[in-house]
Amino acid sequence: MPAKCYRLFPNERSPHHTSIPQVAKGQAVKSRSFALATDLYELTMAAAYFCNDIRAVATFELFVRELPADRRFLLVAGIEQILEYLEELRFTDEDIAYLRAHPSFASVPQDFFDYLEEFRFTGEVWAMPEGTPAFAGEPIVRVTAPILQAQIVETFLLATVNFQTMIASKAARVVGAARGKPVIEFGSRRAHGSEAAMYAARAAYIGGCTGTSNVEAGLRFGVPTFGTIAHSWVMSFDDELAAFEHFMRTFPGSTTLLIDTYDSVAAARKIVSAGLRPQAVRLDSGDLAALSREVRRILDDGGLRDTRIFASGDLDEYRIDELLRLGAPIDAFGVGTRLSTSSDAPNLGGVYKLVEVVTDHQAKRKVKTSPGKVTLPGRKQVWRVSDASGTYTEDWIALADEPAPVTSAEPLLRCVLQNGARTERAPALQEVRERALANVARLPADLRRLERGAGLPVRITPRLAEEQRRVAASCTGR
């Protein structure tokens, strides 16, 4: 596959160091079994289902009970990885040997381990496409499969969708605050491990970031990659200007020079005096608003009007919004720690709940009735309503066999896996990103603001509400 070049600043020559050969686009390189990437009780329950010959077909739904306090919408991500996982899920000999030797499985017969040798996920999955805004209580993923299979996959599905959705949602806010200026995800070194860094880069790209510093995300997913230089490069030379010149000699015309190692203003003057013409200069500390104004003046006076200013250093949506309100002449932003960890909302309370069990061709809908954890019964669909301008106005949660509650409503859950195999090709990540940007633009303007507030109204249909009352009453004997 030929290398692709990416432009941080439109109409300019692409940086040499952003040319990327890619593996199969949108797919991770498979390097290990994920069968044991689960909680122990998923496997002990699976063994109990098997040993008791429980062959029911179950439906579970994955949803978020409440949005984090600083989020007015979520942006769905991670669906591609759960589909890869479900299609490829196998227990290796090593996996089975470990379980057979585990004390928890001492009383489990050999038949169960023989079953694991042939294990395949054969179920059906409906999901919101990646890049879809979602709200509290709405099923994001719906899994229907033999109950043993549906149970085993819970942990991986939750971990994957929770994490990537959390990061994509944060990225959408950061990108919105940047008002069209490029945002690069810079958080690999502050992420919770190298795998989290790679998937954070992917999710941030879905959320609207222009690219990432994470090279593995470029290889595995085709995310555009960007880089500058570090303070250590500058400090390794006796002279700051020599550091700049040596780097530009290797990457002529495509360099972003880090100028705040010692004195940002003095470094900008050195660049002008030496006749260097970097693509951009980067500010990583200090009063970014004041420094960017002074550096912009120096560059412009020196004939470097085309040299851009790139800012980084503990940035998030609030700081970017503040800088732009102050009129800081910053052309692009690098956002690291606070994006790759979603520091103001570092976890997402997604849950995976049983909503229906089919035994002997009889469906029994299920609800949870404990305070604060009440669920809605049965397989469901989410419908989204828009006004004449295309702006989203409300969502409806309905039973899956109900018609659209409003004539113009569009269903959000799509069948993406049937009999354990995909129903459609995996979309290119660029396509997912473009869809996400278009979807976020259709949210009401107040939902895209940084201030706290309510999300889109989410209603349940009268039939679903009645079914919830009926099933709850049958569970409690009332």
Protein backbone atom coordinates (compact mmCIF):
# COMPACT_ATOMS: atom_id res chain seq x y z
CA MET A 1 0.00 0.00 0.00
CA PRO A 2 1.49 3.40 -0.91
CA ALA A 3 2.32 5.84 1.84
CA LYS A 4 -0.15 8.60 2.55
CA CYS A 5 0.76 12.18 3.44
CA TYR A 6 -1.29 14.31 5.79
CA ARG A 7 -1.46 18.09 6.04
CA LEU A 8 -1.74 19.77 9.40
CA PHE A 9 -2.09 23.15 7.73
CA PRO A 10 -4.08 23.19 4.45
CA ASN A 11 -2.35 24.22 1.21
CA GLU A 12 1.10 23.59 2.60
CA ARG A 13 3.66 20.91 1.86
CA SER A 14 3.08 17.86 4.03
CA PRO A 15 5.70 17.19 6.73
CA HIS A 16 8.10 14.45 5.66
CA HIS A 17 7.70 12.64 8.95
CA THR A 18 3.93 12.17 8.56
CA SER A 19 4.11 9.78 5.61
CA ILE A 20 2.55 6.53 6.78
CA PRO A 21 2.47 3.01 5.36
CA GLN A 22 -0.52 1.21 6.86
CA VAL A 23 -1.64 -2.29 7.64
CA ALA A 24 -5.23 -3.26 6.83
CA LYS A 25 -6.95 0.01 7.46
CA GLY A 26 -9.19 0.19 10.50
CA GLN A 27 -8.10 -3.19 11.85
CA ALA A 28 -5.73 -3.95 14.69
CA VAL A 29 -2.91 -6.42 14.23
CA LYS A 30 -3.93 -9.62 16.01
CA SER A 31 -1.14 -10.61 18.36
CA ARG A 32 -2.76 -12.59 21.18
CA SER A 33 -5.87 -14.36 22.37
CA PHE A 34 -8.43 -12.17 24.11
CA ALA A 35 -10.55 -15.04 25.43
CA LEU A 36 -9.30 -14.52 28.99
CA ALA A 37 -9.59 -10.73 28.79
CA THR A 38 -12.61 -11.07 31.03
CA ASP A 39 -13.66 -11.33 34.66
CA LEU A 40 -13.46 -14.74 36.30
CA TYR A 41 -17.15 -14.83 37.12
CA GLU A 42 -18.06 -14.61 33.43
CA LEU A 43 -16.30 -17.95 32.93
CA THR A 44 -17.62 -19.61 36.09
CA MET A 45 -21.16 -18.62 35.07
CA ALA A 46 -20.46 -19.99 31.60
CA ALA A 47 -19.35 -23.28 33.15
CA ALA A 48 -22.50 -23.40 35.28
CA TYR A 49 -24.70 -22.75 32.24
CA PHE A 50 -22.92 -25.57 30.42
CA CYS A 51 -22.99 -28.06 33.27
CA ASN A 52 -26.68 -27.46 33.91
CA ASP A 53 -27.52 -27.73 30.21
CA ILE A 54 -29.02 -24.23 30.14
CA ARG A 55 -29.43 -23.47 26.44
CA ALA A 56 -31.49 -20.29 26.60
CA VAL A 57 -30.92 -17.52 24.08
CA ALA A 58 -30.35 -14.24 25.89
CA THR A 59 -30.35 -10.59 24.92
CA PHE A 60 -28.09 -8.16 26.76
CA GLU A 61 -27.93 -4.41 26.15
CA LEU A 62 -24.99 -2.11 26.80
CA PHE A 63 -25.88 1.42 27.87
CA VAL A 64 -24.73 4.26 30.13
CA ARG A 65 -27.06 4.99 33.03
CA GLU A 66 -26.06 8.63 33.52
CA LEU A 67 -23.85 11.02 31.59
CA PRO A 68 -20.80 12.36 33.44
CA ALA A 69 -21.48 15.75 35.00
CA ASP A 70 -19.47 17.63 32.36
CA ARG A 71 -20.89 15.80 29.35
CA ARG A 72 -24.05 16.69 27.48
CA PHE A 73 -23.63 13.91 24.94
CA LEU A 74 -21.48 10.85 24.32
CA LEU A 75 -19.85 9.95 21.01
CA VAL A 76 -19.93 6.22 20.36
CA ALA A 77 -16.58 4.53 19.65
CA GLY A 78 -15.04 1.09 20.01
CA ILE A 79 -17.64 -0.80 17.96
CA GLU A 80 -15.10 -1.91 15.36
CA GLN A 81 -12.91 -3.50 18.05
CA ILE A 82 -15.77 -5.44 19.63
CA LEU A 83 -16.78 -6.81 16.23
CA GLU A 84 -13.19 -7.93 15.57
CA TYR A 85 -13.15 -9.55 19.00
CA LEU A 86 -16.45 -11.39 18.52
CA GLU A 87 -15.51 -12.68 15.07
CA GLU A 88 -12.09 -13.91 16.18
CA LEU A 89 -12.90 -15.09 19.72
CA ARG A 90 -11.19 -18.44 20.35
CA PHE A 91 -9.77 -20.24 23.38
CA THR A 92 -6.18 -21.33 22.80
CA ASP A 93 -4.65 -24.46 24.27
CA GLU A 94 -2.81 -22.22 26.73
CA ASP A 95 -6.07 -20.51 27.77
CA ILE A 96 -7.79 -23.84 28.37
CA ALA A 97 -4.84 -25.31 30.26
CA TYR A 98 -4.84 -22.31 32.58
CA LEU A 99 -8.56 -22.64 33.28
CA ARG A 100 -8.34 -26.40 33.78
CA ALA A 101 -5.66 -25.85 36.43
CA HIS A 102 -7.52 -22.99 38.12
CA PRO A 103 -8.93 -23.92 41.56
CA SER A 104 -12.31 -22.40 40.66
CA PHE A 105 -12.77 -25.03 37.95
CA ALA A 106 -11.67 -28.06 39.99
CA SER A 107 -15.17 -29.57 39.97
CA VAL A 108 -15.96 -28.72 36.34
CA PRO A 109 -16.05 -31.77 34.02
CA GLN A 110 -13.79 -32.21 31.02
CA ASP A 111 -16.75 -31.73 28.68
CA PHE A 112 -16.72 -28.00 29.40
CA PHE A 113 -13.08 -27.64 28.39
CA ASP A 114 -13.75 -29.70 25.27
CA TYR A 115 -16.53 -27.23 24.48
CA LEU A 116 -14.13 -24.31 24.87
CA GLU A 117 -11.79 -25.88 22.31
CA GLU A 118 -14.54 -25.47 19.70
CA PHE A 119 -15.96 -22.21 21.03
CA ARG A 120 -17.18 -19.65 18.50
CA PHE A 121 -19.46 -16.66 18.98
CA THR A 122 -22.56 -17.38 16.89
CA GLY A 123 -24.83 -14.56 18.00
CA GLU A 124 -26.31 -11.38 16.61
CA VAL A 125 -25.23 -7.84 17.44
CA TRP A 126 -27.02 -4.57 16.83
CA ALA A 127 -25.09 -1.37 17.53
CA MET A 128 -25.07 2.36 17.03
CA PRO A 129 -22.46 3.20 14.37
CA GLU A 130 -19.25 4.72 15.67
CA GLY A 131 -19.48 8.49 15.65
CA THR A 132 -23.13 8.52 16.74
CA PRO A 133 -24.08 10.84 19.64
CA ALA A 134 -25.71 8.85 22.44
CA PHE A 135 -27.46 9.75 25.66
CA ALA A 136 -28.22 8.26 29.07
CA GLY A 137 -30.21 5.03 29.11
CA GLU A 138 -29.99 4.38 25.37
CA PRO A 139 -28.83 0.92 24.22
CA ILE A 140 -25.55 1.43 22.36
CA VAL A 141 -24.99 -2.28 21.72
CA ARG A 142 -27.51 -5.14 21.78
CA VAL A 143 -26.25 -8.73 21.89
CA THR A 144 -28.48 -11.77 21.28
CA ALA A 145 -26.77 -15.16 21.59
CA PRO A 146 -26.82 -18.43 23.53
CA ILE A 147 -26.62 -17.20 27.10
CA LEU A 148 -23.22 -18.78 27.74
CA GLN A 149 -21.71 -16.90 24.78
CA ALA A 150 -23.43 -13.63 25.60
CA GLN A 151 -22.16 -13.80 29.18
CA ILE A 152 -18.52 -14.51 28.37
CA VAL A 153 -18.13 -11.40 26.19
CA GLU A 154 -19.50 -8.87 28.70
CA THR A 155 -16.23 -7.62 30.17
CA PHE A 156 -14.44 -7.04 26.87
CA LEU A 157 -17.43 -5.23 25.37
CA LEU A 158 -17.79 -2.93 28.37
CA ALA A 159 -14.08 -2.16 28.68
CA THR A 160 -13.78 -1.38 24.98
CA VAL A 161 -16.88 0.73 24.47
CA ASN A 162 -16.57 2.52 27.81
CA PHE A 163 -12.98 3.60 27.16
CA GLN A 164 -13.15 4.60 23.52
CA THR A 165 -16.52 6.34 23.92
CA MET A 166 -15.14 8.27 26.90
CA ILE A 167 -12.15 9.51 24.87
CA ALA A 168 -14.12 10.26 21.69
CA SER A 169 -16.60 12.29 23.74
CA LYS A 170 -13.80 14.31 25.33
CA ALA A 171 -12.16 14.85 21.94
CA ALA A 172 -15.40 16.18 20.47
CA ARG A 173 -15.49 18.84 23.17
CA VAL A 174 -11.84 19.80 22.67
CA VAL A 175 -12.26 20.00 18.90
CA GLY A 176 -15.40 22.09 19.29
CA ALA A 177 -13.56 24.53 21.55
CA ALA A 178 -10.79 24.89 18.92
CA ARG A 179 -13.31 26.36 16.43
CA GLY A 180 -11.94 24.73 13.33
CA LYS A 181 -8.24 24.92 14.24
CA PRO A 182 -6.44 21.54 14.09
CA VAL A 183 -6.12 19.55 17.31
CA ILE A 184 -3.47 16.81 17.58
CA GLU A 185 -3.79 14.10 20.24
CA PHE A 186 -0.50 14.18 22.19
CA GLY A 187 -1.28 11.98 25.19
CA SER A 188 0.50 8.68 24.60
CA ARG A 189 3.06 9.13 27.38
CA ARG A 190 0.35 10.00 29.91
CA ALA A 191 -2.16 7.32 28.91
CA HIS A 192 -2.73 4.27 31.09
CA GLY A 193 -0.38 2.01 29.17
CA SER A 194 0.65 1.62 25.56
CA GLU A 195 -2.52 -0.16 24.43
CA ALA A 196 -4.69 2.53 25.99
CA ALA A 197 -2.55 5.14 24.23
CA MET A 198 -3.15 3.53 20.85
CA TYR A 199 -6.91 3.23 21.30
CA ALA A 200 -7.11 6.73 22.78
CA ALA A 201 -5.52 8.02 19.58
CA ARG A 202 -8.10 6.14 17.50
CA ALA A 203 -11.02 7.41 19.57
CA ALA A 204 -9.69 10.98 19.58
CA TYR A 205 -9.52 10.88 15.79
CA ILE A 206 -13.16 9.75 15.66
CA GLY A 207 -13.94 12.67 17.97
CA GLY A 208 -12.53 15.11 15.42
CA CYS A 209 -8.82 15.41 16.16
CA THR A 210 -6.72 15.96 13.04
CA GLY A 211 -4.24 13.28 14.06
CA THR A 212 -2.03 11.90 16.80
CA SER A 213 1.58 11.60 17.87
CA ASN A 214 1.07 7.84 18.37
CA VAL A 215 2.84 5.99 15.57
CA GLU A 216 1.22 2.63 16.29
CA ALA A 217 -2.23 4.17 15.78
CA GLY A 218 -0.98 5.34 12.40
CA LEU A 219 0.16 1.86 11.44
CA ARG A 220 -2.83 -0.05 12.75
CA PHE A 221 -5.70 2.31 12.07
CA GLY A 222 -4.47 4.83 9.54
CA VAL A 223 -4.71 7.77 11.96
CA PRO A 224 -2.57 10.65 10.58
CA THR A 225 0.56 11.09 12.71
CA PHE A 226 2.39 14.30 13.56
CA GLY A 227 5.42 15.25 15.62
CA THR A 228 7.66 18.16 16.53
CA ILE A 229 10.89 17.98 18.56
CA ALA A 230 11.50 17.58 22.28
CA HIS A 231 13.30 19.80 24.77
CA SER A 232 15.93 17.05 25.00
CA TRP A 233 16.87 17.58 21.33
CA VAL A 234 17.47 21.27 21.95
CA MET A 235 19.33 20.63 25.21
CA SER A 236 21.62 18.04 23.61
CA PHE A 237 23.31 20.88 21.67
CA ASP A 238 25.47 23.59 23.19
CA ASP A 239 23.62 26.16 21.13
CA GLU A 240 19.83 26.39 20.61
CA LEU A 241 20.15 27.71 17.08
CA ALA A 242 22.44 24.80 16.15
CA ALA A 243 19.74 22.41 17.37
CA PHE A 244 17.20 24.08 15.09
CA GLU A 245 19.54 24.09 12.10
CA HIS A 246 20.52 20.44 12.44
CA PHE A 247 16.91 19.30 12.64
CA MET A 248 15.85 21.42 9.68
CA ARG A 249 18.75 20.02 7.69
CA THR A 250 17.17 16.56 8.07
CA PHE A 251 13.58 17.75 7.54
CA PRO A 252 13.82 20.83 5.30
CA GLY A 253 10.63 22.81 4.98
CA SER A 254 8.58 20.53 7.21
CA THR A 255 9.78 21.24 10.73
CA THR A 256 7.91 22.48 13.78
CA LEU A 257 10.53 23.95 16.11
CA LEU A 258 9.99 23.85 19.87
CA ILE A 259 11.05 27.30 21.06
CA ASP A 260 10.31 27.39 24.80
CA THR A 261 13.27 25.39 26.13
CA TYR A 262 14.95 28.57 27.39
CA ASP A 263 13.25 31.76 26.19
CA SER A 264 10.47 31.62 23.59
CA VAL A 265 10.80 35.22 22.45
CA ALA A 266 14.60 35.03 22.13
CA ALA A 267 14.30 31.76 20.20
CA ALA A 268 11.84 33.33 17.76
CA ARG A 269 14.30 36.17 17.17
CA LYS A 270 17.13 33.67 16.54
CA ILE A 271 15.02 31.88 13.93
CA VAL A 272 14.33 35.13 12.10
CA SER A 273 17.95 36.35 12.30
CA ALA A 274 19.30 33.04 10.98
CA GLY A 275 16.92 33.07 8.03
CA LEU A 276 15.29 29.78 9.01
CA ARG A 277 11.82 29.11 7.63
CA PRO A 278 10.16 26.43 9.77
CA GLN A 279 6.64 25.30 8.99
CA ALA A 280 5.66 26.14 12.57
CA VAL A 281 6.98 26.98 16.00
CA ARG A 282 5.66 25.35 19.14
CA LEU A 283 4.98 26.95 22.51
CA ASP A 284 4.69 24.45 25.35
CA SER A 285 4.74 26.60 28.49
CA GLY A 286 4.24 30.06 29.92
CA ASP A 287 1.51 32.59 29.18
CA LEU A 288 0.45 31.16 25.84
CA ALA A 289 -1.79 34.10 24.96
CA ALA A 290 0.89 36.74 25.56
CA LEU A 291 3.73 34.66 24.12
CA SER A 292 1.82 33.78 20.97
CA ARG A 293 1.13 37.47 20.31
CA GLU A 294 4.78 38.45 20.76
CA VAL A 295 6.09 35.52 18.73
CA ARG A 296 3.56 36.24 15.98
CA ARG A 297 4.78 39.85 15.82
CA ILE A 298 8.43 38.78 15.60
CA LEU A 299 7.71 36.22 12.88
CA ASP A 300 5.59 38.61 10.84
CA ASP A 301 8.15 41.42 11.11
CA GLY A 302 10.81 38.96 9.98
CA GLY A 303 8.89 37.92 6.88
CA LEU A 304 7.70 34.60 8.32
CA ARG A 305 3.97 35.23 8.01
CA ASP A 306 3.49 31.66 6.78
CA THR A 307 5.13 30.12 9.85
CA ARG A 308 2.36 28.93 12.13
CA ILE A 309 2.16 28.86 15.92
CA PHE A 310 1.42 25.52 17.53
CA ALA A 311 0.54 25.45 21.25
CA SER A 312 0.61 22.64 23.81
CA GLY A 313 1.08 22.20 27.55
CA ASP A 314 -1.74 20.98 29.84
CA LEU A 315 -4.42 22.09 27.40
CA ASP A 316 -8.05 21.03 27.37
CA GLU A 317 -11.29 22.43 25.97
CA TYR A 318 -11.59 25.06 28.70
CA ARG A 319 -8.05 26.40 28.24
CA ILE A 320 -8.35 26.40 24.44
CA ASP A 321 -11.65 28.24 24.64
CA GLU A 322 -10.07 30.81 26.97
CA LEU A 323 -7.06 31.33 24.69
CA LEU A 324 -9.22 31.91 21.63
CA ARG A 325 -11.52 34.25 23.55
CA LEU A 326 -8.39 36.26 24.39
CA GLY A 327 -7.56 36.44 20.70
CA ALA A 328 -4.37 34.38 20.92
CA PRO A 329 -2.98 33.95 17.37
CA ILE A 330 -2.54 30.20 17.74
CA ASP A 331 -3.02 28.08 14.63
CA ALA A 332 -3.14 24.55 16.07
CA PHE A 333 -3.16 22.75 19.41
CA GLY A 334 -1.53 19.64 20.85
CA VAL A 335 -3.62 18.16 23.67
CA GLY A 336 -2.19 15.34 25.75
CA THR A 337 -2.88 14.26 29.33
CA ARG A 338 -6.32 15.78 29.70
CA LEU A 339 -7.51 14.19 26.47
CA SER A 340 -5.95 10.72 26.61
CA THR A 341 -7.21 10.25 30.19
CA SER A 342 -10.38 12.36 29.88
CA SER A 343 -9.22 13.88 33.15
CA ASP A 344 -12.43 15.69 34.09
CA ALA A 345 -14.55 12.57 33.45
CA PRO A 346 -12.07 9.69 33.65
CA ASN A 347 -14.58 6.85 33.65
CA LEU A 348 -17.84 6.00 31.97
CA GLY A 349 -20.42 3.94 33.81
CA GLY A 350 -21.52 1.74 30.97
CA VAL A 351 -23.39 -1.42 31.98
CA TYR A 352 -24.40 -4.63 30.18
CA LYS A 353 -27.78 -5.87 31.35
CA LEU A 354 -29.94 -8.90 30.61
CA VAL A 355 -33.22 -7.75 29.05
CA GLU A 356 -34.71 -10.92 27.53
CA VAL A 357 -34.38 -14.70 27.74
CA VAL A 358 -35.86 -17.11 25.19
CA THR A 359 -36.41 -20.71 26.34
CA ASP A 360 -38.34 -23.28 24.29
CA HIS A 361 -39.35 -20.52 21.85
CA GLN A 362 -40.89 -18.49 24.67
CA ALA A 363 -39.51 -15.00 25.30
CA LYS A 364 -39.42 -13.67 28.83
CA ARG A 365 -38.50 -10.03 29.22
CA LYS A 366 -36.34 -9.09 32.19
CA VAL A 367 -35.95 -5.95 34.31
CA LYS A 368 -33.84 -4.91 37.26
CA THR A 369 -35.93 -3.18 39.93
CA SER A 370 -33.36 -2.22 42.58
CA PRO A 371 -33.35 1.53 43.43
CA GLY A 372 -31.17 3.59 41.11
CA LYS A 373 -30.57 0.62 38.82
CA VAL A 374 -33.96 0.07 37.21
CA THR A 375 -33.75 -1.23 33.63
CA LEU A 376 -36.11 -1.38 30.67
CA PRO A 377 -37.26 -4.83 29.51
CA GLY A 378 -36.94 -6.51 26.15
CA ARG A 379 -34.97 -5.96 22.95
CA LYS A 380 -35.11 -2.29 22.07
CA GLN A 381 -34.47 0.22 19.30
CA VAL A 382 -33.50 3.88 19.65
CA TRP A 383 -35.17 6.39 17.34
CA ARG A 384 -33.84 9.90 16.66
CA VAL A 385 -36.06 12.79 15.62
CA SER A 386 -34.84 15.87 13.71
CA ASP A 387 -36.48 19.16 12.83
CA ALA A 388 -36.83 20.61 9.33
CA SER A 389 -33.26 21.99 9.46
CA GLY A 390 -31.79 18.57 10.33
CA THR A 391 -31.08 19.45 13.97
CA TYR A 392 -31.70 16.61 16.41
CA THR A 393 -34.62 17.35 18.74
CA GLU A 394 -35.35 14.21 20.76
CA ASP A 395 -34.75 10.47 21.05
CA TRP A 396 -37.21 7.67 21.73
CA ILE A 397 -36.49 4.24 23.21
CA ALA A 398 -38.97 1.64 21.95
CA LEU A 399 -39.36 -2.11 21.90
CA ALA A 400 -37.57 -3.55 18.87
CA ASP A 401 -40.80 -4.67 17.19
CA GLU A 402 -42.52 -1.28 17.54
CA PRO A 403 -42.90 1.07 14.57
CA ALA A 404 -41.24 4.48 14.60
CA PRO A 405 -42.85 6.60 17.33
CA VAL A 406 -42.60 9.69 15.10
CA THR A 407 -42.91 9.58 11.32
CA SER A 408 -39.58 11.30 10.64
CA ALA A 409 -37.60 9.33 13.25
CA GLU A 410 -34.52 7.35 12.21
CA PRO A 411 -33.44 4.08 13.90
CA LEU A 412 -29.97 4.22 15.44
CA LEU A 413 -29.24 0.55 16.15
CA ARG A 414 -28.17 -1.44 13.09
CA CYS A 415 -27.55 -5.16 12.70
CA VAL A 416 -23.76 -5.40 12.39
CA LEU A 417 -23.15 -9.07 13.21
CA GLN A 418 -25.34 -12.07 12.36
CA ASN A 419 -24.54 -15.71 13.07
CA GLY A 420 -21.19 -14.50 14.33
CA ALA A 421 -20.22 -12.78 11.06
CA ARG A 422 -20.32 -9.16 9.99
CA THR A 423 -23.22 -7.96 7.91
CA GLU A 424 -21.23 -5.18 6.23
CA ARG A 425 -17.67 -4.07 5.60
CA ALA A 426 -15.79 -2.14 8.25
CA PRO A 427 -15.94 1.56 7.35
CA ALA A 428 -12.69 3.47 6.88
CA LEU A 429 -11.76 5.43 9.98
CA GLN A 430 -11.77 8.67 7.98
CA GLU A 431 -15.39 7.91 7.06
CA VAL A 432 -16.24 7.36 10.73
CA ARG A 433 -14.59 10.66 11.68
CA GLU A 434 -16.49 12.57 9.00
CA ARG A 435 -19.75 11.00 10.15
CA ALA A 436 -18.99 11.95 13.75
CA LEU A 437 -18.27 15.57 12.83
CA ALA A 438 -21.49 15.76 10.82
CA ASN A 439 -23.51 14.20 13.64
CA VAL A 440 -22.11 16.53 16.29
CA ALA A 441 -22.90 19.50 14.05
CA ARG A 442 -26.55 18.39 14.06
CA LEU A 443 -26.82 18.55 17.85
CA PRO A 444 -28.60 21.61 19.24
CA ALA A 445 -26.12 24.43 19.78
CA ASP A 446 -26.57 24.43 23.56
CA LEU A 447 -25.52 20.76 23.75
CA ARG A 448 -22.21 21.67 22.10
CA ARG A 449 -21.37 24.33 24.68
CA LEU A 450 -18.88 23.58 27.44
CA GLU A 451 -21.21 24.51 30.28
CA ARG A 452 -23.02 21.81 32.22
CA GLY A 453 -26.61 21.10 31.30
CA ALA A 454 -29.11 18.52 30.14
CA GLY A 455 -28.66 16.32 27.10
CA LEU A 456 -31.15 15.66 24.34
CA PRO A 457 -34.60 14.67 25.67
CA VAL A 458 -34.89 10.87 25.75
CA ARG A 459 -38.42 9.46 25.95
CA ILE A 460 -39.76 5.92 26.17
CA THR A 461 -42.80 4.82 24.21
CA PRO A 462 -46.09 4.17 26.04
CA ARG A 463 -45.91 0.49 25.11
CA LEU A 464 -42.40 0.14 26.58
CA ALA A 465 -43.45 1.99 29.73
CA GLU A 466 -46.41 -0.34 30.16
CA GLU A 467 -44.22 -3.39 29.55
CA GLN A 468 -41.78 -2.17 32.20
CA ARG A 469 -44.61 -1.89 34.73
CA ARG A 470 -45.95 -5.34 33.82
CA VAL A 471 -42.60 -7.12 34.03
CA ALA A 472 -41.60 -5.32 37.23
CA ALA A 473 -44.89 -6.31 38.85
CA SER A 474 -44.39 -9.95 37.87
CA CYS A 475 -40.89 -9.88 39.39
CA THR A 476 -41.99 -8.37 42.69
CA GLY A 477 -45.29 -10.24 42.94
CA ARG A 478 -47.32 -7.04 43.00
